[in-house]
Amino acid sequence: MRGAVITGLLLLGGCAQTADTARAVGGSASSFDPKQVGKSDIDRVADAHRRAVFSSVRALAEKLYRRNPREWKKGGHPSIEKALDRLLDPRTGWRLPEAAGRSGTEAILLSLQADFEGDRVAVFIAGMGGMLNAAFEEKTEFFMLDELNAQKIYNSARNLEIAAWKLANARDAGGALLLLSNEMPPGGQPANLSFEREFGKMIGNLDILSALLAEKGHRIIARVVQNLATAVFLPVRGL
């Protein structure tokens, strides 16, 4: 009992100190979120990196739909916005009926099969989102008792490299790209590499976070070097 009382007083003291700090820097005590008491510095870092990664997932979804309007029309949606709302609805858990029960990297592979007839963008993004969600232990926010696996985060970064390569190179029997992404205009005009940059931001965020987590936990990450043309996706679930 005494220990519980002391712990409670310490937490209350921390809240008061944080509120005083907020006033000192021009903020208001009323804007303080009590949840922050239960977060360590690494939790706040993980929150920030996760937000950045999933912001890029949304950006990639919209870019792919705009470059490939036939895909969102396959689902009978009246607009790109409605297609995005359905795809990014958290209630789906990154699992879509058209993925035929597949999720994560298996869904990514399905979306880039030449004979797949469904919405390639939806299944590709849902697969990528599901894989990343698993790497973040299916949590949207992190607290002191939560623990992230540095190897999962690292593996998901490598998987994004593979997914980006496959997206840029997957073709049908006639040699046409299955999904348009980066654009290489003729005549020496500047290339549109916005997809590559978005993937790069996600990979950079994950690599930084995995390194921080490994250092915090005194863990060694098993690093993998693969030829992207023949690379296989690394495990994320079950690690």
C-alpha atoms as a PDB file:
ATOM      1  CA  MET A   1       0.000   0.000   0.000  1.00  0.00           C
ATOM      2  CA  ARG A   2       2.753   2.421   0.971  1.00  0.00           C
ATOM      3  CA  GLY A   3       4.507   1.739  -2.336  1.00  0.00           C
ATOM      4  CA  ALA A   4       1.341   2.454  -4.285  1.00  0.00           C
ATOM      5  CA  VAL A   5       0.865   5.765  -2.455  1.00  0.00           C
ATOM      6  CA  ILE A   6       4.455   6.816  -3.160  1.00  0.00           C
ATOM      7  CA  THR A   7       4.065   5.885  -6.832  1.00  0.00           C
ATOM      8  CA  GLY A   8       0.867   7.917  -7.037  1.00  0.00           C
ATOM      9  CA  LEU A   9       2.525  10.948  -5.475  1.00  0.00           C
ATOM     10  CA  LEU A  10       5.437  10.698  -7.898  1.00  0.00           C
ATOM     11  CA  LEU A  11       3.068  10.551 -10.866  1.00  0.00           C
ATOM     12  CA  LEU A  12       1.104  13.529  -9.585  1.00  0.00           C
ATOM     13  CA  GLY A  13       4.339  15.410  -9.033  1.00  0.00           C
ATOM     14  CA  GLY A  14       5.384  14.602 -12.597  1.00  0.00           C
ATOM     15  CA  CYS A  15       2.078  15.933 -13.893  1.00  0.00           C
ATOM     16  CA  ALA A  16       2.482  19.156 -11.936  1.00  0.00           C
ATOM     17  CA  GLN A  17       6.072  19.596 -13.114  1.00  0.00           C
ATOM     18  CA  THR A  18       5.063  19.026 -16.739  1.00  0.00           C
ATOM     19  CA  ALA A  19       2.240  21.542 -16.399  1.00  0.00           C
ATOM     20  CA  ASP A  20       4.653  24.115 -14.943  1.00  0.00           C
ATOM     21  CA  THR A  21       7.028  23.467 -17.833  1.00  0.00           C
ATOM     22  CA  ALA A  22       4.210  23.966 -20.335  1.00  0.00           C
ATOM     23  CA  ARG A  23       3.420  27.369 -18.819  1.00  0.00           C
ATOM     24  CA  ALA A  24       7.097  28.341 -18.886  1.00  0.00           C
ATOM     25  CA  VAL A  25       7.386  27.768 -22.628  1.00  0.00           C
ATOM     26  CA  GLY A  26       4.190  29.626 -23.384  1.00  0.00           C
ATOM     27  CA  GLY A  27       1.815  26.674 -23.419  1.00  0.00           C
ATOM     28  CA  SER A  28      -1.136  26.020 -21.161  1.00  0.00           C
ATOM     29  CA  ALA A  29      -1.585  23.450 -18.430  1.00  0.00           C
ATOM     30  CA  SER A  30      -4.970  22.530 -19.895  1.00  0.00           C
ATOM     31  CA  SER A  31      -3.261  21.253 -23.071  1.00  0.00           C
ATOM     32  CA  PHE A  32      -1.201  18.684 -21.164  1.00  0.00           C
ATOM     33  CA  ASP A  33      -2.130  15.108 -22.042  1.00  0.00           C
ATOM     34  CA  PRO A  34      -2.007  12.862 -18.936  1.00  0.00           C
ATOM     35  CA  LYS A  35      -1.108   9.910 -21.161  1.00  0.00           C
ATOM     36  CA  GLN A  36       2.342  11.408 -21.601  1.00  0.00           C
ATOM     37  CA  VAL A  37       3.145  10.433 -18.003  1.00  0.00           C
ATOM     38  CA  GLY A  38       3.165   6.796 -19.069  1.00  0.00           C
ATOM     39  CA  LYS A  39       5.563   7.343 -21.960  1.00  0.00           C
ATOM     40  CA  SER A  40       9.338   7.136 -22.053  1.00  0.00           C
ATOM     41  CA  ASP A  41      11.435   9.070 -24.553  1.00  0.00           C
ATOM     42  CA  ILE A  42      11.691   6.016 -26.829  1.00  0.00           C
ATOM     43  CA  ASP A  43       7.880   5.661 -26.745  1.00  0.00           C
ATOM     44  CA  ARG A  44       7.499   9.219 -28.010  1.00  0.00           C
ATOM     45  CA  VAL A  45      10.093   8.572 -30.699  1.00  0.00           C
ATOM     46  CA  ALA A  46       8.269   5.394 -31.761  1.00  0.00           C
ATOM     47  CA  ASP A  47       4.971   7.308 -31.892  1.00  0.00           C
ATOM     48  CA  ALA A  48       6.520   9.936 -34.169  1.00  0.00           C
ATOM     49  CA  HIS A  49       8.116   7.410 -36.516  1.00  0.00           C
ATOM     50  CA  ARG A  50       4.927   5.358 -36.760  1.00  0.00           C
ATOM     51  CA  ARG A  51       2.891   8.453 -37.625  1.00  0.00           C
ATOM     52  CA  ALA A  52       5.394   9.400 -40.323  1.00  0.00           C
ATOM     53  CA  VAL A  53       5.445   5.893 -41.808  1.00  0.00           C
ATOM     54  CA  PHE A  54       1.667   5.568 -42.037  1.00  0.00           C
ATOM     55  CA  SER A  55       1.363   9.099 -43.405  1.00  0.00           C
ATOM     56  CA  SER A  56       3.562   7.897 -46.266  1.00  0.00           C
ATOM     57  CA  VAL A  57       1.376   4.805 -46.700  1.00  0.00           C
ATOM     58  CA  ARG A  58      -1.611   7.076 -47.264  1.00  0.00           C
ATOM     59  CA  ALA A  59       0.378   9.298 -49.629  1.00  0.00           C
ATOM     60  CA  LEU A  60       1.464   6.281 -51.671  1.00  0.00           C
ATOM     61  CA  ALA A  61      -2.104   4.985 -51.853  1.00  0.00           C
ATOM     62  CA  GLU A  62      -3.343   8.273 -53.265  1.00  0.00           C
ATOM     63  CA  LYS A  63      -0.421   8.588 -55.699  1.00  0.00           C
ATOM     64  CA  LEU A  64      -0.968   5.057 -57.003  1.00  0.00           C
ATOM     65  CA  TYR A  65      -4.696   5.599 -57.469  1.00  0.00           C
ATOM     66  CA  ARG A  66      -4.077   8.831 -59.358  1.00  0.00           C
ATOM     67  CA  ARG A  67      -1.544   7.141 -61.638  1.00  0.00           C
ATOM     68  CA  ASN A  68      -3.768   4.071 -62.057  1.00  0.00           C
ATOM     69  CA  PRO A  69      -7.413   5.246 -62.009  1.00  0.00           C
ATOM     70  CA  ARG A  70      -8.627   1.970 -63.497  1.00  0.00           C
ATOM     71  CA  GLU A  71      -7.809   0.275 -60.183  1.00  0.00           C
ATOM     72  CA  TRP A  72     -10.116   2.268 -57.901  1.00  0.00           C
ATOM     73  CA  LYS A  73     -12.857   2.007 -60.519  1.00  0.00           C
ATOM     74  CA  LYS A  74     -12.719  -1.795 -60.268  1.00  0.00           C
ATOM     75  CA  GLY A  75     -14.304  -1.524 -56.827  1.00  0.00           C
ATOM     76  CA  GLY A  76     -17.197   0.557 -58.095  1.00  0.00           C
ATOM     77  CA  HIS A  77     -16.199   3.587 -56.032  1.00  0.00           C
ATOM     78  CA  PRO A  78     -17.552   6.966 -57.177  1.00  0.00           C
ATOM     79  CA  SER A  79     -14.234   8.729 -56.523  1.00  0.00           C
ATOM     80  CA  ILE A  80     -10.632   8.290 -55.417  1.00  0.00           C
ATOM     81  CA  GLU A  81     -11.568   9.786 -52.051  1.00  0.00           C
ATOM     82  CA  LYS A  82     -14.206   7.105 -51.414  1.00  0.00           C
ATOM     83  CA  ALA A  83     -11.777   4.382 -52.468  1.00  0.00           C
ATOM     84  CA  LEU A  84      -9.156   5.749 -50.065  1.00  0.00           C
ATOM     85  CA  ASP A  85     -11.659   6.005 -47.215  1.00  0.00           C
ATOM     86  CA  ARG A  86     -12.532   2.358 -47.632  1.00  0.00           C
ATOM     87  CA  LEU A  87      -8.920   1.206 -48.072  1.00  0.00           C
ATOM     88  CA  LEU A  88      -7.569   3.135 -45.069  1.00  0.00           C
ATOM     89  CA  ASP A  89     -10.500   2.452 -42.736  1.00  0.00           C
ATOM     90  CA  PRO A  90      -8.872   1.135 -39.513  1.00  0.00           C
ATOM     91  CA  ARG A  91     -11.790  -1.241 -38.991  1.00  0.00           C
ATOM     92  CA  THR A  92     -10.609  -3.393 -41.915  1.00  0.00           C
ATOM     93  CA  GLY A  93      -7.402  -4.303 -40.083  1.00  0.00           C
ATOM     94  CA  TRP A  94      -5.589  -4.077 -43.440  1.00  0.00           C
ATOM     95  CA  ARG A  95      -7.492  -7.159 -44.639  1.00  0.00           C
ATOM     96  CA  LEU A  96      -9.560  -6.908 -47.804  1.00  0.00           C
ATOM     97  CA  PRO A  97     -11.969  -9.435 -49.348  1.00  0.00           C
ATOM     98  CA  GLU A  98     -10.265  -9.161 -52.740  1.00  0.00           C
ATOM     99  CA  ALA A  99      -6.991 -10.327 -51.171  1.00  0.00           C
ATOM    100  CA  ALA A 100      -8.517 -13.819 -50.861  1.00  0.00           C
ATOM    101  CA  GLY A 101      -7.446 -14.223 -47.237  1.00  0.00           C
ATOM    102  CA  ARG A 102      -3.896 -13.046 -47.815  1.00  0.00           C
ATOM    103  CA  SER A 103      -2.299 -10.249 -45.817  1.00  0.00           C
ATOM    104  CA  GLY A 104       1.065  -8.609 -45.327  1.00  0.00           C
ATOM    105  CA  THR A 105       3.761  -9.523 -47.838  1.00  0.00           C
ATOM    106  CA  GLU A 106       1.603 -12.302 -49.297  1.00  0.00           C
ATOM    107  CA  ALA A 107      -0.956  -9.673 -50.302  1.00  0.00           C
ATOM    108  CA  ILE A 108       1.800  -7.554 -51.870  1.00  0.00           C
ATOM    109  CA  LEU A 109       2.866 -10.519 -54.007  1.00  0.00           C
ATOM    110  CA  LEU A 110      -0.751 -11.233 -54.993  1.00  0.00           C
ATOM    111  CA  SER A 111      -1.310  -7.648 -56.130  1.00  0.00           C
ATOM    112  CA  LEU A 112       1.612  -7.932 -58.567  1.00  0.00           C
ATOM    113  CA  GLN A 113       0.696 -11.251 -60.143  1.00  0.00           C
ATOM    114  CA  ALA A 114       0.006 -10.842 -63.852  1.00  0.00           C
ATOM    115  CA  ASP A 115      -3.295 -12.756 -63.703  1.00  0.00           C
ATOM    116  CA  PHE A 116      -4.721 -10.893 -60.689  1.00  0.00           C
ATOM    117  CA  GLU A 117      -7.943  -9.133 -61.692  1.00  0.00           C
ATOM    118  CA  GLY A 118      -8.817  -7.196 -58.537  1.00  0.00           C
ATOM    119  CA  ASP A 119      -7.857  -3.724 -57.366  1.00  0.00           C
ATOM    120  CA  ARG A 120      -4.055  -3.983 -57.408  1.00  0.00           C
ATOM    121  CA  VAL A 121      -3.528  -0.712 -55.564  1.00  0.00           C
ATOM    122  CA  ALA A 122      -5.848  -1.659 -52.703  1.00  0.00           C
ATOM    123  CA  VAL A 123      -4.276  -5.080 -52.184  1.00  0.00           C
ATOM    124  CA  PHE A 124      -0.718  -3.746 -52.519  1.00  0.00           C
ATOM    125  CA  ILE A 125      -1.319  -0.960 -49.978  1.00  0.00           C
ATOM    126  CA  ALA A 126      -3.284  -3.207 -47.619  1.00  0.00           C
ATOM    127  CA  GLY A 127      -0.456  -5.755 -47.740  1.00  0.00           C
ATOM    128  CA  MET A 128       2.129  -3.087 -47.029  1.00  0.00           C
ATOM    129  CA  GLY A 129       0.034  -1.553 -44.244  1.00  0.00           C
ATOM    130  CA  GLY A 130      -0.597  -4.944 -42.665  1.00  0.00           C
ATOM    131  CA  MET A 131       3.097  -5.812 -42.705  1.00  0.00           C
ATOM    132  CA  LEU A 132       3.996  -2.469 -41.086  1.00  0.00           C
ATOM    133  CA  ASN A 133       1.177  -2.807 -38.573  1.00  0.00           C
ATOM    134  CA  ALA A 134       2.599  -6.187 -37.519  1.00  0.00           C
ATOM    135  CA  ALA A 135       6.066  -4.646 -37.158  1.00  0.00           C
ATOM    136  CA  PHE A 136       4.568  -2.099 -34.752  1.00  0.00           C
ATOM    137  CA  GLU A 137       2.857  -4.896 -32.789  1.00  0.00           C
ATOM    138  CA  GLU A 138      -0.528  -3.718 -34.120  1.00  0.00           C
ATOM    139  CA  LYS A 139      -0.428  -0.695 -31.824  1.00  0.00           C
ATOM    140  CA  THR A 140      -1.021   2.938 -32.752  1.00  0.00           C
ATOM    141  CA  GLU A 141       0.580   4.396 -29.620  1.00  0.00           C
ATOM    142  CA  PHE A 142       3.307   3.243 -27.253  1.00  0.00           C
ATOM    143  CA  PHE A 143       3.795   3.355 -23.492  1.00  0.00           C
ATOM    144  CA  MET A 144       6.422   2.227 -20.987  1.00  0.00           C
ATOM    145  CA  LEU A 145       5.150  -1.349 -20.759  1.00  0.00           C
ATOM    146  CA  ASP A 146       5.062  -1.766 -24.546  1.00  0.00           C
ATOM    147  CA  GLU A 147       8.032  -3.309 -26.292  1.00  0.00           C
ATOM    148  CA  LEU A 148       8.911  -3.066 -29.965  1.00  0.00           C
ATOM    149  CA  ASN A 149      11.131  -5.623 -31.701  1.00  0.00           C
ATOM    150  CA  ALA A 150      14.075  -3.949 -33.456  1.00  0.00           C
ATOM    151  CA  GLN A 151      14.462  -6.917 -35.831  1.00  0.00           C
ATOM    152  CA  LYS A 152      10.827  -6.663 -36.949  1.00  0.00           C
ATOM    153  CA  ILE A 153      11.234  -2.966 -37.672  1.00  0.00           C
ATOM    154  CA  TYR A 154      14.487  -3.612 -39.559  1.00  0.00           C
ATOM    155  CA  ASN A 155      12.938  -6.469 -41.576  1.00  0.00           C
ATOM    156  CA  SER A 156       9.968  -4.308 -42.521  1.00  0.00           C
ATOM    157  CA  ALA A 157      12.347  -1.674 -43.901  1.00  0.00           C
ATOM    158  CA  ARG A 158      14.047  -4.283 -46.096  1.00  0.00           C
ATOM    159  CA  ASN A 159      10.629  -5.549 -47.193  1.00  0.00           C
ATOM    160  CA  LEU A 160       9.704  -2.035 -48.310  1.00  0.00           C
ATOM    161  CA  GLU A 161      12.831  -1.965 -50.477  1.00  0.00           C
ATOM    162  CA  ILE A 162      11.730  -5.220 -52.102  1.00  0.00           C
ATOM    163  CA  ALA A 163       8.134  -4.009 -52.501  1.00  0.00           C
ATOM    164  CA  ALA A 164       9.296  -0.778 -54.147  1.00  0.00           C
ATOM    165  CA  TRP A 165      11.470  -2.709 -56.614  1.00  0.00           C
ATOM    166  CA  LYS A 166       8.665  -5.125 -57.463  1.00  0.00           C
ATOM    167  CA  LEU A 167       6.203  -2.266 -57.913  1.00  0.00           C
ATOM    168  CA  ALA A 168       8.540  -0.533 -60.363  1.00  0.00           C
ATOM    169  CA  ASN A 169       9.275  -3.688 -62.364  1.00  0.00           C
ATOM    170  CA  ALA A 170       6.251  -6.036 -62.338  1.00  0.00           C
ATOM    171  CA  ARG A 171       4.924  -6.451 -65.881  1.00  0.00           C
ATOM    172  CA  ASP A 172       2.264  -8.404 -67.717  1.00  0.00           C
ATOM    173  CA  ALA A 173       2.879 -10.943 -70.492  1.00  0.00           C
ATOM    174  CA  GLY A 174       3.034  -8.135 -73.030  1.00  0.00           C
ATOM    175  CA  GLY A 175       5.713  -6.238 -71.128  1.00  0.00           C
ATOM    176  CA  ALA A 176       3.472  -3.457 -69.827  1.00  0.00           C
ATOM    177  CA  LEU A 177       3.829  -2.358 -66.207  1.00  0.00           C
ATOM    178  CA  LEU A 178       1.094  -3.739 -63.973  1.00  0.00           C
ATOM    179  CA  LEU A 179       1.031  -0.501 -61.968  1.00  0.00           C
ATOM    180  CA  LEU A 180       2.411   2.880 -62.980  1.00  0.00           C
ATOM    181  CA  SER A 181       4.532   4.604 -60.344  1.00  0.00           C
ATOM    182  CA  ASN A 182       7.705   6.589 -61.039  1.00  0.00           C
ATOM    183  CA  GLU A 183       7.602   8.335 -64.408  1.00  0.00           C
ATOM    184  CA  MET A 184      10.550   8.620 -66.762  1.00  0.00           C
ATOM    185  CA  PRO A 185       9.465  11.132 -69.438  1.00  0.00           C
ATOM    186  CA  PRO A 186      11.262  11.162 -72.787  1.00  0.00           C
ATOM    187  CA  GLY A 187      13.377  13.979 -74.120  1.00  0.00           C
ATOM    188  CA  GLY A 188      15.523  14.549 -71.062  1.00  0.00           C
ATOM    189  CA  GLN A 189      12.663  15.977 -68.992  1.00  0.00           C
ATOM    190  CA  PRO A 190      12.939  15.687 -65.186  1.00  0.00           C
ATOM    191  CA  ALA A 191      11.790  12.309 -63.880  1.00  0.00           C
ATOM    192  CA  ASN A 192       8.881  12.001 -61.441  1.00  0.00           C
ATOM    193  CA  LEU A 193      10.446  10.062 -58.557  1.00  0.00           C
ATOM    194  CA  SER A 194       7.869  10.983 -55.925  1.00  0.00           C
ATOM    195  CA  PHE A 195       7.066   7.311 -55.271  1.00  0.00           C
ATOM    196  CA  GLU A 196      10.718   6.495 -54.721  1.00  0.00           C
ATOM    197  CA  ARG A 197      11.060   9.420 -52.330  1.00  0.00           C
ATOM    198  CA  GLU A 198       8.015   8.319 -50.316  1.00  0.00           C
ATOM    199  CA  PHE A 199       9.395   4.800 -49.980  1.00  0.00           C
ATOM    200  CA  GLY A 200      12.752   6.309 -49.023  1.00  0.00           C
ATOM    201  CA  LYS A 201      11.170   8.319 -46.204  1.00  0.00           C
ATOM    202  CA  MET A 202       9.494   5.228 -44.788  1.00  0.00           C
ATOM    203  CA  ILE A 203      12.661   3.144 -45.013  1.00  0.00           C
ATOM    204  CA  GLY A 204      14.701   5.889 -43.357  1.00  0.00           C
ATOM    205  CA  ASN A 205      12.215   6.221 -40.488  1.00  0.00           C
ATOM    206  CA  LEU A 206      12.219   2.473 -39.882  1.00  0.00           C
ATOM    207  CA  ASP A 207      16.006   2.164 -40.032  1.00  0.00           C
ATOM    208  CA  ILE A 208      16.485   4.964 -37.513  1.00  0.00           C
ATOM    209  CA  LEU A 209      13.874   3.492 -35.178  1.00  0.00           C
ATOM    210  CA  SER A 210      15.303  -0.045 -35.403  1.00  0.00           C
ATOM    211  CA  ALA A 211      18.779   1.263 -34.555  1.00  0.00           C
ATOM    212  CA  LEU A 212      17.450   3.191 -31.542  1.00  0.00           C
ATOM    213  CA  LEU A 213      15.500   0.182 -30.290  1.00  0.00           C
ATOM    214  CA  ALA A 214      18.499  -2.127 -30.696  1.00  0.00           C
ATOM    215  CA  GLU A 215      20.726   0.285 -28.784  1.00  0.00           C
ATOM    216  CA  LYS A 216      18.175   0.705 -26.009  1.00  0.00           C
ATOM    217  CA  GLY A 217      17.727  -3.049 -25.611  1.00  0.00           C
ATOM    218  CA  HIS A 218      21.407  -3.887 -26.133  1.00  0.00           C
ATOM    219  CA  ARG A 219      20.390  -6.130 -29.032  1.00  0.00           C
ATOM    220  CA  ILE A 220      22.172  -6.956 -32.273  1.00  0.00           C
ATOM    221  CA  ILE A 221      20.149  -6.747 -35.490  1.00  0.00           C
ATOM    222  CA  ALA A 222      20.704  -9.561 -37.976  1.00  0.00           C
ATOM    223  CA  ARG A 223      21.389  -7.535 -41.118  1.00  0.00           C
ATOM    224  CA  VAL A 224      20.582  -8.946 -44.531  1.00  0.00           C
ATOM    225  CA  VAL A 225      21.934  -7.993 -47.945  1.00  0.00           C
ATOM    226  CA  GLN A 226      19.921  -9.224 -50.919  1.00  0.00           C
ATOM    227  CA  ASN A 227      19.794  -8.702 -54.652  1.00  0.00           C
ATOM    228  CA  LEU A 228      16.482  -6.913 -55.105  1.00  0.00           C
ATOM    229  CA  ALA A 229      15.760  -8.780 -58.334  1.00  0.00           C
ATOM    230  CA  THR A 230      15.781 -12.124 -56.506  1.00  0.00           C
ATOM    231  CA  ALA A 231      15.073 -10.998 -52.946  1.00  0.00           C
ATOM    232  CA  VAL A 232      12.469 -12.685 -50.771  1.00  0.00           C
ATOM    233  CA  PHE A 233      10.443 -10.909 -48.126  1.00  0.00           C
ATOM    234  CA  LEU A 234      11.784 -11.214 -44.596  1.00  0.00           C
ATOM    235  CA  PRO A 235       9.586 -12.453 -41.729  1.00  0.00           C
ATOM    236  CA  VAL A 236       7.872  -9.873 -39.553  1.00  0.00           C
ATOM    237  CA  ARG A 237       5.121 -11.787 -37.787  1.00  0.00           C
ATOM    238  CA  GLY A 238       6.186 -14.473 -35.384  1.00  0.00           C
ATOM    239  CA  LEU A 239       9.610 -13.046 -34.536  1.00  0.00           C
END
